Every structure is written in structure tokens, then in C-alpha cells.
Protein backbone atom coordinates (compact mmCIF):
# COMPACT_ATOMS: atom_id res chain seq x y z
CA GLU A 1 114.18 73.16 133.86
CA ILE A 2 118.30 74.54 133.77
CA ASN A 3 119.79 71.35 135.26
CA SER A 4 117.24 69.13 132.83
CA MET A 5 119.16 70.14 130.07
CA ILE A 6 122.72 70.60 131.94
CA GLN A 7 123.26 66.47 131.79
CA ALA A 8 120.71 66.37 127.95
CA LEU A 9 123.87 68.13 127.36
CA LYS A 10 126.75 66.06 129.09
CA SER A 11 124.19 63.14 127.14
CA PHE A 12 124.36 64.61 123.89
CA MET A 13 128.28 65.30 124.32
CA GLY A 14 128.90 61.70 125.56
CA ARG A 15 127.46 60.57 122.27
CA ILE A 16 130.27 62.97 119.75
CA ASP A 17 134.22 62.45 120.05
CA ASP A 18 135.48 65.03 120.95
CA ASP A 19 138.04 65.99 117.41
CA ASP A 20 134.20 65.42 115.68
CA SER A 21 131.87 68.35 113.86
CA CYS A 22 129.14 67.40 113.74
CA VAL A 23 126.68 68.00 115.79
CA PRO A 24 123.20 68.50 113.62
CA GLU A 25 121.37 71.48 112.14
CA TRP A 26 118.14 70.95 114.71
CA ALA A 27 120.26 69.45 117.92
CA ILE A 28 121.95 73.87 117.95
CA ASN A 29 118.25 75.28 116.46
CA THR A 30 116.62 73.08 119.42
CA ILE A 31 118.71 74.12 122.23
CA GLN A 32 118.28 77.79 120.30
CA GLU A 33 114.93 77.34 120.98
CA TRP A 34 114.48 76.11 124.26
CA TRP A 35 116.66 79.07 125.74
CA LYS A 36 114.56 81.86 124.37
CA ALA A 37 111.34 79.87 126.33
CA HIS A 38 113.41 79.57 129.49
CA VAL A 39 114.99 83.78 129.17
CA ALA A 40 111.01 84.87 128.40
CA HIS A 41 110.50 82.36 132.06
CA ILE A 42 113.05 84.17 133.48
CA THR A 43 112.24 87.43 132.88
CA ASP A 44 108.64 87.23 133.73
CA HIS A 45 110.40 86.22 137.43
CA CYS A 46 112.82 88.97 137.32
CA ASN A 47 110.00 91.63 137.00
CA SER A 48 107.81 90.03 139.18
CA GLU A 49 110.22 89.91 142.02
CA GLU A 50 110.88 93.84 141.13
CA MET A 51 108.14 95.26 140.04
CA VAL A 52 105.73 93.99 142.44
CA TYR A 53 107.03 91.74 145.14
CA LYS A 54 110.39 94.01 146.05
CA PRO A 55 108.01 97.28 146.20
CA MET A 56 104.71 96.04 148.70
CA CYS A 57 107.46 94.68 150.74
CA THR A 58 110.13 97.62 150.80
CA GLU A 59 106.33 99.34 152.68
CA ARG A 60 107.03 97.19 155.39
CA PHE A 61 110.21 96.17 156.10
CA HIS A 62 114.14 96.33 154.00
CA TRP A 63 114.82 94.02 151.01
CA PRO A 64 117.81 91.79 150.97
CA VAL A 65 120.72 93.73 149.58
CA GLU A 66 121.89 90.61 148.64
CA ILE A 67 119.46 89.46 146.71
CA GLY A 68 119.81 92.23 143.90
CA GLU A 69 123.40 91.54 144.38
CA LEU A 70 122.67 88.19 143.55
CA HIS A 71 120.14 89.42 140.67
CA ASP A 72 122.93 91.67 138.71
CA LYS A 73 125.13 88.56 138.72
CA LEU A 74 122.66 86.15 137.38
CA ASP A 75 122.02 88.69 134.75
CA SER A 76 125.79 89.08 134.17
CA LEU A 77 126.05 84.80 133.64
CA LYS A 78 123.08 85.18 131.59
CA ASP A 79 124.19 87.17 129.20
CA LYS A 80 127.70 84.61 128.73
CA VAL A 81 124.37 81.81 128.39
CA GLN A 82 123.24 83.78 125.26
CA SER A 83 126.72 84.74 123.77
CA ALA A 84 127.76 80.33 124.21
CA ILE A 85 124.36 79.70 122.70
CA ASP A 86 124.79 82.48 119.48
CA ARG A 87 128.06 80.92 118.87
CA MET A 88 127.43 77.32 118.43
CA ASN A 89 127.93 75.22 115.38
CA SER A 90 129.10 72.25 114.19
CA GLU A 91 131.99 71.38 116.83
CA ARG A 92 131.99 68.99 119.72
CA ASN A 93 133.71 72.04 122.33
CA SER A 94 130.32 74.28 120.97
CA LEU A 95 128.79 72.54 123.26
CA ALA A 96 130.87 71.90 125.66
CA GLU A 97 130.51 76.12 126.41
CA VAL A 98 127.19 76.19 126.41
CA HIS A 99 127.21 73.57 128.68
CA ASN A 100 129.80 75.21 130.91
CA ALA A 101 127.94 78.28 130.90
CA LEU A 102 124.65 77.26 131.57
CA SER A 103 126.14 75.46 134.76
CA MET A 104 127.75 78.63 135.84
CA TYR A 105 124.12 80.23 135.66
CA GLU A 106 122.73 76.91 137.68
CA GLU A 107 124.52 77.98 140.50
CA ASN A 108 123.57 81.33 141.42
CA MET A 109 120.78 81.27 140.13
CA LEU A 110 120.30 78.35 143.08
CA LYS A 111 121.42 80.77 145.41
CA HIS A 112 119.56 83.31 143.81
CA PHE A 113 116.56 81.35 145.29
CA GLN A 114 118.51 79.52 148.37
CA VAL A 115 118.56 83.45 149.36
CA GLU A 116 115.29 84.24 148.36
CA GLU A 117 113.77 81.44 150.51
CA THR A 118 115.66 82.07 153.98
CA THR A 119 115.36 85.90 153.96
CA ALA A 120 112.58 87.67 152.09
CA LEU A 121 110.15 84.73 151.97
CA PRO A 122 110.59 84.60 156.04
CA LEU A 123 109.93 88.06 156.24
CA MET A 124 106.78 88.55 153.87
CA ARG A 125 104.98 85.18 156.28
CA ALA A 126 105.80 87.22 159.17
CA TYR A 127 104.78 91.65 157.56
CA PHE A 128 101.97 90.09 155.67
CA THR A 129 99.19 87.71 156.12
CA PRO A 130 98.32 84.92 154.01
CA GLU A 131 95.48 86.45 152.63
CA GLU A 132 97.05 89.27 151.32
CA VAL A 133 99.97 87.39 149.42
CA SER A 134 97.89 84.98 148.12
CA VAL A 135 95.94 88.29 146.57
CA VAL A 136 99.47 90.50 144.82
CA GLN A 137 100.30 85.90 143.94
CA ARG A 138 96.47 85.40 142.38
CA LYS A 139 97.98 89.22 139.86
CA ILE A 140 101.34 87.58 139.15
CA LEU A 141 99.86 84.08 137.63
CA GLU A 142 96.47 85.31 135.98
CA ASP A 143 99.89 87.72 133.96
CA ALA A 144 102.14 85.36 134.17
CA PRO A 145 102.47 83.60 130.57
CA GLU A 146 102.00 80.31 129.52
CA ASN A 147 105.35 78.70 130.61
CA ALA A 148 106.61 80.31 134.03
CA MET A 149 102.67 79.15 134.82
CA GLY A 150 103.50 75.61 133.51
CA ALA A 151 106.48 75.34 134.41
CA LEU A 152 105.04 75.77 138.13
CA ILE A 153 102.26 72.96 136.72
CA HIS A 154 104.91 69.82 135.27
CA SER A 155 107.56 70.94 139.09
CA MET A 156 104.93 69.69 141.44
CA SER A 157 104.43 66.36 139.00
CA PRO A 158 104.57 66.23 135.14
CA ASP A 159 101.29 64.97 134.50
CA GLY A 160 99.48 68.03 136.78
CA ALA A 161 97.99 65.75 139.30
CA LYS A 162 99.24 67.45 142.06
CA PHE A 163 99.12 70.85 141.12
CA ARG A 164 95.33 69.88 141.12
CA SER A 165 95.16 68.09 144.47
CA ASP A 166 97.48 70.58 146.49
CA PHE A 167 97.98 74.10 144.30
CA MET A 168 94.31 74.10 143.91
CA ALA A 169 93.17 72.77 146.28
CA VAL A 170 94.50 74.21 149.57
CA ARG A 171 93.61 77.96 147.58
CA GLY A 172 89.58 77.28 146.86
CA ILE A 173 90.22 77.40 142.79
CA PRO A 174 87.17 75.43 141.40
CA SER A 175 88.84 71.98 139.18
CA ILE A 176 86.80 73.68 136.12
CA VAL A 177 89.40 76.22 135.30
CA TRP A 178 92.15 73.32 135.62
CA TYR A 179 90.18 73.14 131.63
CA LEU A 180 90.19 76.85 131.19
CA ALA A 181 93.38 77.57 132.13
CA PHE A 182 95.97 75.79 133.47
CA LYS A 183 95.95 72.72 131.48
CA GLY A 184 96.56 74.14 128.31
CA ARG A 185 99.51 75.93 129.90
CA LEU A 186 100.75 72.39 131.15
CA ALA A 187 100.64 71.39 127.52
CA HIS A 188 102.23 74.75 126.09
CA TYR A 189 105.45 74.14 128.63
CA THR A 190 105.19 70.43 128.12
CA LYS A 191 105.75 70.96 124.24
CA ASP A 192 107.99 74.35 124.60
CA VAL A 193 110.69 73.38 126.61
CA VAL A 194 110.94 69.33 128.47
CA ALA A 195 110.10 68.35 124.65
CA LYS A 196 113.62 69.82 123.52
CA VAL A 197 115.08 68.65 126.95
CA GLU A 198 113.75 65.16 126.09
CA ALA A 199 114.94 65.40 122.61
CA ILE A 200 119.11 66.36 122.91
CA GLU A 201 119.00 63.98 125.73
CA SER A 202 117.99 61.54 123.17
CA GLY A 203 120.18 62.10 120.54
CA ILE A 204 116.50 62.24 118.46
CA GLU A 205 115.32 65.25 117.00
CA PRO A 206 111.58 66.39 117.65
CA VAL A 207 108.72 65.32 114.95
CA LYS A 208 107.49 68.91 114.39
CA LYS A 209 103.79 68.49 113.92
CA SER A 210 101.96 70.62 110.92
CA GLY A 211 98.43 71.12 109.98
CA TRP A 212 95.05 69.35 112.33
CA PHE A 213 97.26 66.90 114.03
């Protein structure tokens, strides 16, 4: 998600001369709306980590200190991205500031995920049964905002096919649940996040539908 917007911004800036002040208002609004959706997503992820996984895990093993340190740095870099986005204007340089801030933010986020996957995740698998973890994950997914669940589905395949065949089938989730709970969340994520990245990538203002259709 972050990398896609970084690449989209690079493409968008490539169409603008360095001394131009012609960043359209729709592009600024689109980036701001995309970032707002991302912040809601990452806030949910961090809350799940701090309020669910960490308390559960510390009952059986020591939570890796490095995760907390990277978490604090990620918060700081997130604030810098927010500041850059708040300062956006019609000048190309303001887009470059957002691009650079997002690049630093992404770099730290990837480190954060890597540490989680190489420390906390193996420990969780060693100290908890799959059934214990599954119960917690199910609760988190049920309470997650639409974009968080939609991002998971989209990351496996944009059409949701792999989510249905790999994720749902393995966990014994009935196929009807796709239509009741998951399909709409994928559609929401596609509209709220993916479409905005594609608009910046193409340089074409997204069409906003109104009414019933």
C-alpha cells in the first residue's frame, strides 16, 4: 500500500517540471484522503499489537524490546508524513516532500514487520497452540475496520480468489461468509485506497459517483 503510493507519486512528479506550480487540487485531496485511510488502518494494527497480542504473549514469554523501539520510531515518522501532507500545495516540491517522508516511513515499517516476523511470531508459535491464536485472530478480524480486512484480502489477490481458497478454506470459514462479510470489505478498500493510488499513478482525476448508481 505505502510502496504503491510512493511509486505513484514518482510517476505523478515525472509529469511535472521542477519549476511548475501546477499540482491540481484534486490530487492534493486524493493523497490526503488516501493517507487518512492508511492512518486508520495502521492505528488499528498498532492497537491490536499493543492491546491484544502483547498482553497475551507476555504471559508466557518476554516481548521483544526492539519491537517497541521500532514502534516509537514509526510513530515519529508517521507524524513527519502527516506534516508533509498538511503542507501540500500546488508546487511540485511539496509532493517531493511527501514522497521522501513516505519512503522513510516505509523503510522503518518494513523493519518493524521483519522484527515481528523473526522474533515475536516464532515465539508465539512456540508458546501458543494454533487454536489459541486462531481464537484471538478471529476476534481481531471481526472488530477490524473495513479497510484493514480489505487490505488483507487484496494483498493475497485483488479479486479475493486466493483469500477464499487459501485463507477461508484452511480455517473452515463457510463460503457464504465471503458474501456476508468479506466481499464488501474488499470493495470498500478498492474504492477507498486502491482507486486513489491508481488516480495518482495515472494522473487522472477519479470519477466520484453520486446517487444510487
